[in-house]
């Protein structure tokens, strides 16, 4: 979960993909 936050700061679009994968 923490990794997703770092990705969000680095790439908001990438965070969306990670959220979908987690779901």
N, C-alpha and C. Protein backbone atom coordinates (compact mmCIF):
# COMPACT_ATOMS: atom_id res chain seq x y z
N UNK A 1 0.84 -1.20 0.00
CA UNK A 1 0.00 0.00 0.00
C UNK A 1 0.88 1.26 0.00
N UNK A 2 1.94 1.25 0.78
CA UNK A 2 2.82 2.43 0.81
C UNK A 2 3.42 2.67 -0.58
N UNK A 3 3.79 1.58 -1.25
CA UNK A 3 4.39 1.73 -2.58
C UNK A 3 3.44 2.48 -3.51
N UNK A 4 2.16 2.17 -3.42
CA UNK A 4 1.18 2.86 -4.28
C UNK A 4 1.23 4.36 -4.05
N UNK A 5 1.39 4.77 -2.79
CA UNK A 5 1.43 6.22 -2.51
C UNK A 5 2.62 6.85 -3.21
N UNK A 6 3.78 6.19 -3.16
CA UNK A 6 4.98 6.75 -3.82
C UNK A 6 4.73 6.84 -5.32
N UNK A 7 4.08 5.83 -5.89
CA UNK A 7 3.81 5.85 -7.34
C UNK A 7 2.87 7.02 -7.64
N UNK A 8 1.90 7.25 -6.76
CA UNK A 8 0.94 8.34 -7.00
C UNK A 8 1.70 9.65 -7.16
N UNK A 9 2.68 9.90 -6.29
CA UNK A 9 3.45 11.16 -6.40
C UNK A 9 4.27 11.15 -7.69
N UNK A 10 4.81 10.00 -8.04
CA UNK A 10 5.66 9.93 -9.24
C UNK A 10 4.79 9.94 -10.50
N UNK A 11 3.67 9.23 -10.48
CA UNK A 11 2.82 9.13 -11.68
C UNK A 11 1.37 8.89 -11.27
N UNK A 12 0.56 9.91 -11.21
CA UNK A 12 -0.85 9.74 -10.81
C UNK A 12 -1.56 8.70 -11.69
N UNK A 13 -1.26 8.72 -13.00
CA UNK A 13 -1.93 7.74 -13.89
C UNK A 13 -1.53 6.33 -13.49
N UNK A 14 -0.27 6.12 -13.17
CA UNK A 14 0.19 4.78 -12.79
C UNK A 14 -0.54 4.32 -11.53
N UNK A 15 -0.80 5.25 -10.61
CA UNK A 15 -1.48 4.86 -9.36
C UNK A 15 -2.86 4.29 -9.70
N UNK A 16 -3.55 4.89 -10.67
CA UNK A 16 -4.90 4.39 -11.02
C UNK A 16 -4.79 2.93 -11.44
N UNK A 17 -3.81 2.60 -12.27
CA UNK A 17 -3.66 1.21 -12.72
C UNK A 17 -3.39 0.30 -11.52
N UNK A 18 -2.57 0.74 -10.61
CA UNK A 18 -2.25 -0.10 -9.44
C UNK A 18 -3.52 -0.33 -8.62
N UNK A 19 -4.31 0.72 -8.46
CA UNK A 19 -5.56 0.57 -7.68
C UNK A 19 -6.44 -0.49 -8.35
N UNK A 20 -6.55 -0.46 -9.67
CA UNK A 20 -7.40 -1.45 -10.36
C UNK A 20 -6.85 -2.85 -10.13
N UNK A 21 -5.53 -3.00 -10.19
CA UNK A 21 -4.93 -4.34 -10.00
C UNK A 21 -5.22 -4.82 -8.58
N UNK A 22 -5.10 -3.92 -7.61
CA UNK A 22 -5.35 -4.34 -6.21
C UNK A 22 -6.80 -4.80 -6.09
N UNK A 23 -7.70 -4.11 -6.75
CA UNK A 23 -9.12 -4.48 -6.64
C UNK A 23 -9.34 -5.76 -7.41
